[in-house]
PDB file of all heavy atoms in Angstrom:
ATOM      1  N   LYS A   1      -7.225   6.663 -14.268  1.00  0.00           N
ATOM      2  CA  LYS A   1      -7.175   5.409 -14.999  1.00  0.00           C
ATOM      3  C   LYS A   1      -8.086   5.518 -16.250  1.00  0.00           C
ATOM      4  O   LYS A   1      -7.802   4.874 -17.300  1.00  0.00           O
ATOM      5  CB  LYS A   1      -7.590   4.212 -14.194  1.00  0.00           C
ATOM      6  CG  LYS A   1      -6.581   3.747 -13.240  1.00  0.00           C
ATOM      7  CD  LYS A   1      -7.064   2.487 -12.464  1.00  0.00           C
ATOM      8  CE  LYS A   1      -5.955   1.918 -11.613  1.00  0.00           C
ATOM      9  NZ  LYS A   1      -6.478   0.722 -10.871  1.00  0.00           N
ATOM     10  N   ASN A   2      -9.077   6.372 -16.227  1.00  0.00           N
ATOM     11  CA  ASN A   2      -9.935   6.608 -17.371  1.00  0.00           C
ATOM     12  C   ASN A   2      -9.401   7.644 -18.316  1.00  0.00           C
ATOM     13  O   ASN A   2     -10.104   8.108 -19.237  1.00  0.00           O
ATOM     14  CB  ASN A   2     -11.368   6.999 -16.904  1.00  0.00           C
ATOM     15  CG  ASN A   2     -12.120   5.830 -16.343  1.00  0.00           C
ATOM     16  OD1 ASN A   2     -11.953   4.687 -16.824  1.00  0.00           O
ATOM     17  ND2 ASN A   2     -12.922   6.039 -15.338  1.00  0.00           N
ATOM     18  N   GLY A   3      -8.149   8.072 -18.040  1.00  0.00           N
ATOM     19  CA  GLY A   3      -7.507   8.960 -19.000  1.00  0.00           C
ATOM     20  C   GLY A   3      -7.411  10.467 -18.658  1.00  0.00           C
ATOM     21  O   GLY A   3      -6.877  11.241 -19.411  1.00  0.00           O
ATOM     22  N   SER A   4      -7.943  10.793 -17.483  1.00  0.00           N
ATOM     23  CA  SER A   4      -7.900  12.236 -17.122  1.00  0.00           C
ATOM     24  C   SER A   4      -6.489  12.622 -16.574  1.00  0.00           C
ATOM     25  O   SER A   4      -6.092  12.154 -15.516  1.00  0.00           O
ATOM     26  CB  SER A   4      -8.943  12.494 -15.998  1.00  0.00           C
ATOM     27  OG  SER A   4      -8.742  13.843 -15.518  1.00  0.00           O
ATOM     28  N   ARG A   5      -5.795  13.408 -17.316  1.00  0.00           N
ATOM     29  CA  ARG A   5      -4.433  13.917 -16.834  1.00  0.00           C
ATOM     30  C   ARG A   5      -4.595  14.867 -15.698  1.00  0.00           C
ATOM     31  O   ARG A   5      -3.735  15.014 -14.827  1.00  0.00           O
ATOM     32  CB  ARG A   5      -3.709  14.583 -18.026  1.00  0.00           C
ATOM     33  CG  ARG A   5      -3.375  13.640 -19.126  1.00  0.00           C
ATOM     34  CD  ARG A   5      -2.383  12.569 -18.769  1.00  0.00           C
ATOM     35  NE  ARG A   5      -1.007  13.102 -18.653  1.00  0.00           N
ATOM     36  CZ  ARG A   5      -0.102  13.122 -19.542  1.00  0.00           C
ATOM     37  NH1 ARG A   5      -0.393  12.691 -20.762  1.00  0.00           N
ATOM     38  NH2 ARG A   5       1.141  13.618 -19.315  1.00  0.00           N
ATOM     39  N   GLU A   6      -5.720  15.614 -15.627  1.00  0.00           N
ATOM     40  CA  GLU A   6      -6.037  16.463 -14.490  1.00  0.00           C
ATOM     41  C   GLU A   6      -6.079  15.687 -13.206  1.00  0.00           C
ATOM     42  O   GLU A   6      -5.500  16.112 -12.133  1.00  0.00           O
ATOM     43  CB  GLU A   6      -7.285  17.237 -14.674  1.00  0.00           C
ATOM     44  CG  GLU A   6      -7.641  18.121 -13.562  1.00  0.00           C
ATOM     45  CD  GLU A   6      -9.077  18.791 -13.634  1.00  0.00           C
ATOM     46  OE1 GLU A   6      -9.663  18.765 -14.718  1.00  0.00           O
ATOM     47  OE2 GLU A   6      -9.498  19.331 -12.602  1.00  0.00           O
ATOM     48  N   TYR A   7      -6.800  14.618 -13.245  1.00  0.00           N
ATOM     49  CA  TYR A   7      -6.907  13.801 -11.967  1.00  0.00           C
ATOM     50  C   TYR A   7      -5.653  12.994 -11.668  1.00  0.00           C
ATOM     51  O   TYR A   7      -5.427  12.674 -10.514  1.00  0.00           O
ATOM     52  CB  TYR A   7      -8.145  12.973 -12.017  1.00  0.00           C
ATOM     53  CG  TYR A   7      -9.424  13.831 -11.650  1.00  0.00           C
ATOM     54  CD1 TYR A   7     -10.134  14.478 -12.633  1.00  0.00           C
ATOM     55  CD2 TYR A   7      -9.751  14.024 -10.303  1.00  0.00           C
ATOM     56  CE1 TYR A   7     -11.220  15.275 -12.293  1.00  0.00           C
ATOM     57  CE2 TYR A   7     -10.789  14.815  -9.946  1.00  0.00           C
ATOM     58  CZ  TYR A   7     -11.531  15.494 -10.938  1.00  0.00           C
ATOM     59  OH  TYR A   7     -12.577  16.264 -10.562  1.00  0.00           O
ATOM     60  N   GLU A   8      -4.977  12.675 -12.699  1.00  0.00           N
ATOM     61  CA  GLU A   8      -3.617  12.069 -12.476  1.00  0.00           C
ATOM     62  C   GLU A   8      -2.759  13.063 -11.618  1.00  0.00           C
ATOM     63  O   GLU A   8      -2.085  12.660 -10.667  1.00  0.00           O
ATOM     64  CB  GLU A   8      -2.948  11.701 -13.749  1.00  0.00           C
ATOM     65  CG  GLU A   8      -1.690  11.024 -13.649  1.00  0.00           C
ATOM     66  CD  GLU A   8      -1.041  10.632 -14.958  1.00  0.00           C
ATOM     67  OE1 GLU A   8      -1.808  10.387 -15.971  1.00  0.00           O
ATOM     68  OE2 GLU A   8       0.165  10.628 -15.069  1.00  0.00           O
ATOM     69  N   SER A   9      -2.776  14.319 -12.069  1.00  0.00           N
ATOM     70  CA  SER A   9      -2.045  15.386 -11.355  1.00  0.00           C
ATOM     71  C   SER A   9      -2.517  15.573  -9.968  1.00  0.00           C
ATOM     72  O   SER A   9      -1.736  15.700  -8.978  1.00  0.00           O
ATOM     73  CB  SER A   9      -2.092  16.665 -12.088  1.00  0.00           C
ATOM     74  OG  SER A   9      -1.352  17.693 -11.480  1.00  0.00           O
ATOM     75  N   ARG A  10      -3.851  15.521  -9.752  1.00  0.00           N
ATOM     76  CA  ARG A  10      -4.437  15.664  -8.442  1.00  0.00           C
ATOM     77  C   ARG A  10      -3.969  14.536  -7.535  1.00  0.00           C
ATOM     78  O   ARG A  10      -3.740  14.701  -6.340  1.00  0.00           O
ATOM     79  CB  ARG A  10      -5.964  15.738  -8.514  1.00  0.00           C
ATOM     80  CG  ARG A  10      -6.451  17.051  -8.995  1.00  0.00           C
ATOM     81  CD  ARG A  10      -7.939  17.082  -8.997  1.00  0.00           C
ATOM     82  NE  ARG A  10      -8.427  18.262  -9.673  1.00  0.00           N
ATOM     83  CZ  ARG A  10      -9.616  18.775  -9.499  1.00  0.00           C
ATOM     84  NH1 ARG A  10     -10.469  18.147  -8.681  1.00  0.00           N
ATOM     85  NH2 ARG A  10     -10.029  19.872 -10.100  1.00  0.00           N
ATOM     86  N   LEU A  11      -3.954  13.314  -8.089  1.00  0.00           N
ATOM     87  CA  LEU A  11      -3.537  12.135  -7.331  1.00  0.00           C
ATOM     88  C   LEU A  11      -2.129  12.314  -6.902  1.00  0.00           C
ATOM     89  O   LEU A  11      -1.760  12.017  -5.714  1.00  0.00           O
ATOM     90  CB  LEU A  11      -3.691  10.911  -8.284  1.00  0.00           C
ATOM     91  CG  LEU A  11      -3.265   9.595  -7.676  1.00  0.00           C
ATOM     92  CD1 LEU A  11      -4.254   9.175  -6.467  1.00  0.00           C
ATOM     93  CD2 LEU A  11      -3.315   8.482  -8.760  1.00  0.00           C
ATOM     94  N   ILE A  12      -1.274  12.778  -7.785  1.00  0.00           N
ATOM     95  CA  ILE A  12       0.157  13.001  -7.415  1.00  0.00           C
ATOM     96  C   ILE A  12       0.261  14.035  -6.299  1.00  0.00           C
ATOM     97  O   ILE A  12       1.020  13.807  -5.361  1.00  0.00           O
ATOM     98  CB  ILE A  12       0.957  13.456  -8.655  1.00  0.00           C
ATOM     99  CG1 ILE A  12       1.042  12.328  -9.657  1.00  0.00           C
ATOM    100  CG2 ILE A  12       2.335  13.952  -8.261  1.00  0.00           C
ATOM    101  CD1 ILE A  12       1.501  12.762 -11.060  1.00  0.00           C
ATOM    102  N   ASN A  13      -0.527  15.072  -6.401  1.00  0.00           N
ATOM    103  CA  ASN A  13      -0.433  16.180  -5.425  1.00  0.00           C
ATOM    104  C   ASN A  13      -0.909  15.593  -4.014  1.00  0.00           C
ATOM    105  O   ASN A  13      -0.368  15.980  -3.044  1.00  0.00           O
ATOM    106  CB  ASN A  13      -1.276  17.395  -5.897  1.00  0.00           C
ATOM    107  CG  ASN A  13      -0.663  18.069  -7.018  1.00  0.00           C
ATOM    108  OD1 ASN A  13       0.538  17.848  -7.301  1.00  0.00           O
ATOM    109  ND2 ASN A  13      -1.359  18.919  -7.632  1.00  0.00           N
ATOM    110  N   ARG A  14      -1.947  14.750  -3.996  1.00  0.00           N
ATOM    111  CA  ARG A  14      -2.401  14.215  -2.749  1.00  0.00           C
ATOM    112  C   ARG A  14      -1.357  13.302  -2.121  1.00  0.00           C
ATOM    113  O   ARG A  14      -1.102  13.367  -0.928  1.00  0.00           O
ATOM    114  CB  ARG A  14      -3.662  13.410  -2.900  1.00  0.00           C
ATOM    115  CG  ARG A  14      -4.898  14.268  -3.226  1.00  0.00           C
ATOM    116  CD  ARG A  14      -5.300  15.038  -2.012  1.00  0.00           C
ATOM    117  NE  ARG A  14      -6.320  15.950  -2.342  1.00  0.00           N
ATOM    118  CZ  ARG A  14      -6.712  17.006  -1.694  1.00  0.00           C
ATOM    119  NH1 ARG A  14      -6.175  17.268  -0.586  1.00  0.00           N
ATOM    120  NH2 ARG A  14      -7.670  17.819  -2.102  1.00  0.00           N
ATOM    121  N   LEU A  15      -0.747  12.525  -2.945  1.00  0.00           N
ATOM    122  CA  LEU A  15       0.358  11.611  -2.430  1.00  0.00           C
ATOM    123  C   LEU A  15       1.555  12.453  -1.879  1.00  0.00           C
ATOM    124  O   LEU A  15       2.046  12.144  -0.829  1.00  0.00           O
ATOM    125  CB  LEU A  15       0.852  10.640  -3.502  1.00  0.00           C
ATOM    126  CG  LEU A  15      -0.167   9.611  -3.922  1.00  0.00           C
ATOM    127  CD1 LEU A  15       0.422   8.827  -5.139  1.00  0.00           C
ATOM    128  CD2 LEU A  15      -0.476   8.652  -2.861  1.00  0.00           C
ATOM    129  N   GLY A  16       1.883  13.548  -2.641  1.00  0.00           N
ATOM    130  CA  GLY A  16       2.995  14.389  -2.199  1.00  0.00           C
ATOM    131  C   GLY A  16       2.641  15.099  -0.898  1.00  0.00           C
ATOM    132  O   GLY A  16       3.461  15.221  -0.009  1.00  0.00           O
ATOM    133  N   GLN A  17       1.334  15.475  -0.758  1.00  0.00           N
ATOM    134  CA  GLN A  17       0.870  16.119   0.471  1.00  0.00           C
ATOM    135  C   GLN A  17       1.039  15.165   1.674  1.00  0.00           C
ATOM    136  O   GLN A  17       1.409  15.559   2.719  1.00  0.00           O
ATOM    137  CB  GLN A  17      -0.515  16.703   0.236  1.00  0.00           C
ATOM    138  CG  GLN A  17      -0.997  17.552   1.335  1.00  0.00           C
ATOM    139  CD  GLN A  17      -2.359  18.107   1.124  1.00  0.00           C
ATOM    140  OE1 GLN A  17      -3.270  17.417   0.614  1.00  0.00           O
ATOM    141  NE2 GLN A  17      -2.600  19.401   1.405  1.00  0.00           N
ATOM    142  N   LEU A  18       0.555  13.980   1.475  1.00  0.00           N
ATOM    143  CA  LEU A  18       0.707  12.956   2.486  1.00  0.00           C
ATOM    144  C   LEU A  18       2.146  12.775   2.861  1.00  0.00           C
ATOM    145  O   LEU A  18       2.515  12.709   4.015  1.00  0.00           O
ATOM    146  CB  LEU A  18       0.100  11.613   2.058  1.00  0.00           C
ATOM    147  CG  LEU A  18      -1.426  11.468   2.147  1.00  0.00           C
ATOM    148  CD1 LEU A  18      -1.900  10.262   1.383  1.00  0.00           C
ATOM    149  CD2 LEU A  18      -1.868  11.419   3.625  1.00  0.00           C
ATOM    150  N   ARG A  19       3.048  12.704   1.859  1.00  0.00           N
ATOM    151  CA  ARG A  19       4.434  12.496   2.193  1.00  0.00           C
ATOM    152  C   ARG A  19       4.994  13.636   2.910  1.00  0.00           C
ATOM    153  O   ARG A  19       5.785  13.487   3.881  1.00  0.00           O
ATOM    154  CB  ARG A  19       5.169  12.306   0.794  1.00  0.00           C
ATOM    155  CG  ARG A  19       6.703  12.497   0.847  1.00  0.00           C
ATOM    156  CD  ARG A  19       7.413  11.511   1.808  1.00  0.00           C
ATOM    157  NE  ARG A  19       8.828  11.681   1.817  1.00  0.00           N
ATOM    158  CZ  ARG A  19       9.562  12.567   2.474  1.00  0.00           C
ATOM    159  NH1 ARG A  19       8.948  13.465   3.232  1.00  0.00           N
ATOM    160  NH2 ARG A  19      10.889  12.589   2.392  1.00  0.00           N
ATOM    161  N   ARG A  20       4.622  14.860   2.578  1.00  0.00           N
ATOM    162  CA  ARG A  20       5.108  16.041   3.205  1.00  0.00           C
ATOM    163  C   ARG A  20       4.651  16.189   4.688  1.00  0.00           C
ATOM    164  O   ARG A  20       5.402  16.571   5.564  1.00  0.00           O
ATOM    165  CB  ARG A  20       4.728  17.336   2.466  1.00  0.00           C
ATOM    166  CG  ARG A  20       5.261  18.562   3.168  1.00  0.00           C
ATOM    167  CD  ARG A  20       4.969  19.828   2.401  1.00  0.00           C
ATOM    168  NE  ARG A  20       5.518  20.972   3.044  1.00  0.00           N
ATOM    169  CZ  ARG A  20       5.314  22.227   2.812  1.00  0.00           C
ATOM    170  NH1 ARG A  20       4.474  22.471   1.815  1.00  0.00           N
ATOM    171  NH2 ARG A  20       5.887  23.153   3.439  1.00  0.00           N
ATOM    172  N   CYS A  21       3.415  15.831   4.955  1.00  0.00           N
ATOM    173  CA  CYS A  21       2.782  16.090   6.204  1.00  0.00           C
ATOM    174  C   CYS A  21       2.821  14.935   7.210  1.00  0.00           C
ATOM    175  O   CYS A  21       2.689  15.087   8.364  1.00  0.00           O
ATOM    176  CB  CYS A  21       1.271  16.487   6.024  1.00  0.00           C
ATOM    177  SG  CYS A  21       1.047  17.991   5.038  1.00  0.00           S
ATOM    178  N   CYS A  22       3.115  13.718   6.719  1.00  0.00           N
ATOM    179  CA  CYS A  22       3.148  12.569   7.495  1.00  0.00           C
ATOM    180  C   CYS A  22       4.559  11.923   7.549  1.00  0.00           C
ATOM    181  O   CYS A  22       5.012  11.619   6.489  1.00  0.00           O
ATOM    182  CB  CYS A  22       2.124  11.511   7.100  1.00  0.00           C
ATOM    183  SG  CYS A  22       0.424  12.086   6.948  1.00  0.00           S
ATOM    184  N   PRO A  23       5.184  11.771   8.709  1.00  0.00           N
ATOM    185  CA  PRO A  23       6.485  11.196   8.725  1.00  0.00           C
ATOM    186  C   PRO A  23       6.485   9.748   8.105  1.00  0.00           C
ATOM    187  O   PRO A  23       7.436   9.356   7.520  1.00  0.00           O
ATOM    188  CB  PRO A  23       6.838  11.121  10.182  1.00  0.00           C
ATOM    189  CG  PRO A  23       5.822  11.790  10.972  1.00  0.00           C
ATOM    190  CD  PRO A  23       4.611  12.133  10.018  1.00  0.00           C
ATOM    191  N   HIS A  24       5.409   9.022   8.258  1.00  0.00           N
ATOM    192  CA  HIS A  24       5.236   7.674   7.694  1.00  0.00           C
ATOM    193  C   HIS A  24       3.904   7.692   7.065  1.00  0.00           C
ATOM    194  O   HIS A  24       2.927   8.214   7.592  1.00  0.00           O
ATOM    195  CB  HIS A  24       5.369   6.580   8.736  1.00  0.00           C
ATOM    196  CG  HIS A  24       6.624   6.740   9.537  1.00  0.00           C
ATOM    197  ND1 HIS A  24       7.864   6.267   9.027  1.00  0.00           N
ATOM    198  CD2 HIS A  24       6.820   7.190  10.775  1.00  0.00           C
ATOM    199  CE1 HIS A  24       8.759   6.506   9.941  1.00  0.00           C
ATOM    200  NE2 HIS A  24       8.206   7.032  11.049  1.00  0.00           N
ATOM    201  N   MET A  25       3.814   7.112   5.886  1.00  0.00           N
ATOM    202  CA  MET A  25       2.521   7.003   5.217  1.00  0.00           C
ATOM    203  C   MET A  25       1.503   6.173   6.110  1.00  0.00           C
ATOM    204  O   MET A  25       1.926   5.200   6.677  1.00  0.00           O
ATOM    205  CB  MET A  25       2.624   6.271   3.878  1.00  0.00           C
ATOM    206  CG  MET A  25       3.322   7.039   2.806  1.00  0.00           C
ATOM    207  SD  MET A  25       2.407   8.454   2.267  1.00  0.00           S
ATOM    208  CE  MET A  25       3.384   8.905   0.854  1.00  0.00           C
ATOM    209  N   PRO A  26       0.294   6.715   6.316  1.00  0.00           N
ATOM    210  CA  PRO A  26      -0.679   6.077   7.187  1.00  0.00           C
ATOM    211  C   PRO A  26      -0.973   4.686   6.669  1.00  0.00           C
ATOM    212  O   PRO A  26      -1.307   4.459   5.553  1.00  0.00           O
ATOM    213  CB  PRO A  26      -1.879   7.009   7.044  1.00  0.00           C
ATOM    214  CG  PRO A  26      -1.356   8.295   6.564  1.00  0.00           C
ATOM    215  CD  PRO A  26      -0.202   8.026   5.726  1.00  0.00           C
ATOM    216  N   GLN A  27      -0.906   3.752   7.615  1.00  0.00           N
ATOM    217  CA  GLN A  27      -1.199   2.344   7.308  1.00  0.00           C
ATOM    218  C   GLN A  27      -2.680   2.131   6.825  1.00  0.00           C
ATOM    219  O   GLN A  27      -2.948   1.262   6.033  1.00  0.00           O
ATOM    220  CB  GLN A  27      -0.882   1.425   8.472  1.00  0.00           C
ATOM    221  CG  GLN A  27       0.545   1.249   8.802  1.00  0.00           C
ATOM    222  CD  GLN A  27       1.263   0.558   7.680  1.00  0.00           C
ATOM    223  OE1 GLN A  27       0.834  -0.451   7.186  1.00  0.00           O
ATOM    224  NE2 GLN A  27       2.385   1.194   7.172  1.00  0.00           N
ATOM    225  N   GLU A  28      -3.553   3.048   7.360  1.00  0.00           N
ATOM    226  CA  GLU A  28      -4.974   2.906   6.974  1.00  0.00           C
ATOM    227  C   GLU A  28      -5.165   3.211   5.492  1.00  0.00           C
ATOM    228  O   GLU A  28      -6.183   2.884   4.943  1.00  0.00           O
ATOM    229  CB  GLU A  28      -5.819   3.896   7.803  1.00  0.00           C
ATOM    230  CG  GLU A  28      -5.816   3.581   9.300  1.00  0.00           C
ATOM    231  CD  GLU A  28      -4.618   4.241  10.012  1.00  0.00           C
ATOM    232  OE1 GLU A  28      -3.773   4.833   9.416  1.00  0.00           O
ATOM    233  OE2 GLU A  28      -4.595   4.055  11.258  1.00  0.00           O
ATOM    234  N   LEU A  29      -4.167   3.856   4.873  1.00  0.00           N
ATOM    235  CA  LEU A  29      -4.283   4.275   3.511  1.00  0.00           C
ATOM    236  C   LEU A  29      -3.256   3.453   2.574  1.00  0.00           C
ATOM    237  O   LEU A  29      -3.131   3.691   1.406  1.00  0.00           O
ATOM    238  CB  LEU A  29      -3.938   5.731   3.243  1.00  0.00           C
ATOM    239  CG  LEU A  29      -4.888   6.705   3.873  1.00  0.00           C
ATOM    240  CD1 LEU A  29      -4.371   8.132   3.739  1.00  0.00           C
ATOM    241  CD2 LEU A  29      -6.266   6.665   3.247  1.00  0.00           C
ATOM    242  N   LYS A  30      -2.697   2.412   3.175  1.00  0.00           N
ATOM    243  CA  LYS A  30      -1.729   1.607   2.483  1.00  0.00           C
ATOM    244  C   LYS A  30      -2.195   1.060   1.089  1.00  0.00           C
ATOM    245  O   LYS A  30      -1.486   1.220   0.165  1.00  0.00           O
ATOM    246  CB  LYS A  30      -1.235   0.483   3.352  1.00  0.00           C
ATOM    247  CG  LYS A  30      -0.053  -0.296   2.800  1.00  0.00           C
ATOM    248  CD  LYS A  30       0.410  -1.343   3.719  1.00  0.00           C
ATOM    249  CE  LYS A  30       1.519  -2.030   3.136  1.00  0.00           C
ATOM    250  NZ  LYS A  30       2.121  -3.067   4.097  1.00  0.00           N
ATOM    251  N   GLU A  31      -3.397   0.556   1.079  1.00  0.00           N
ATOM    252  CA  GLU A  31      -3.871  -0.070  -0.133  1.00  0.00           C
ATOM    253  C   GLU A  31      -4.093   1.015  -1.221  1.00  0.00           C
ATOM    254  O   GLU A  31      -3.708   0.839  -2.355  1.00  0.00           O
ATOM    255  CB  GLU A  31      -5.194  -0.783   0.105  1.00  0.00           C
ATOM    256  CG  GLU A  31      -5.747  -1.575  -1.081  1.00  0.00           C
ATOM    257  CD  GLU A  31      -6.983  -2.349  -0.764  1.00  0.00           C
ATOM    258  OE1 GLU A  31      -7.074  -2.850   0.370  1.00  0.00           O
ATOM    259  OE2 GLU A  31      -7.817  -2.508  -1.602  1.00  0.00           O
TER     260      GLU A  31
END
C-alpha cells in the first residue's frame, strides 16, 4: 500500500501459495 511493487508481488505469491496448499482458504486468515 506504501508503493512497494516487490511486496505487492510477495503478497500475491503468499495468497497463491495459500490457494495451492489449502483446499479452502483458512477462516482464521479471512480478514
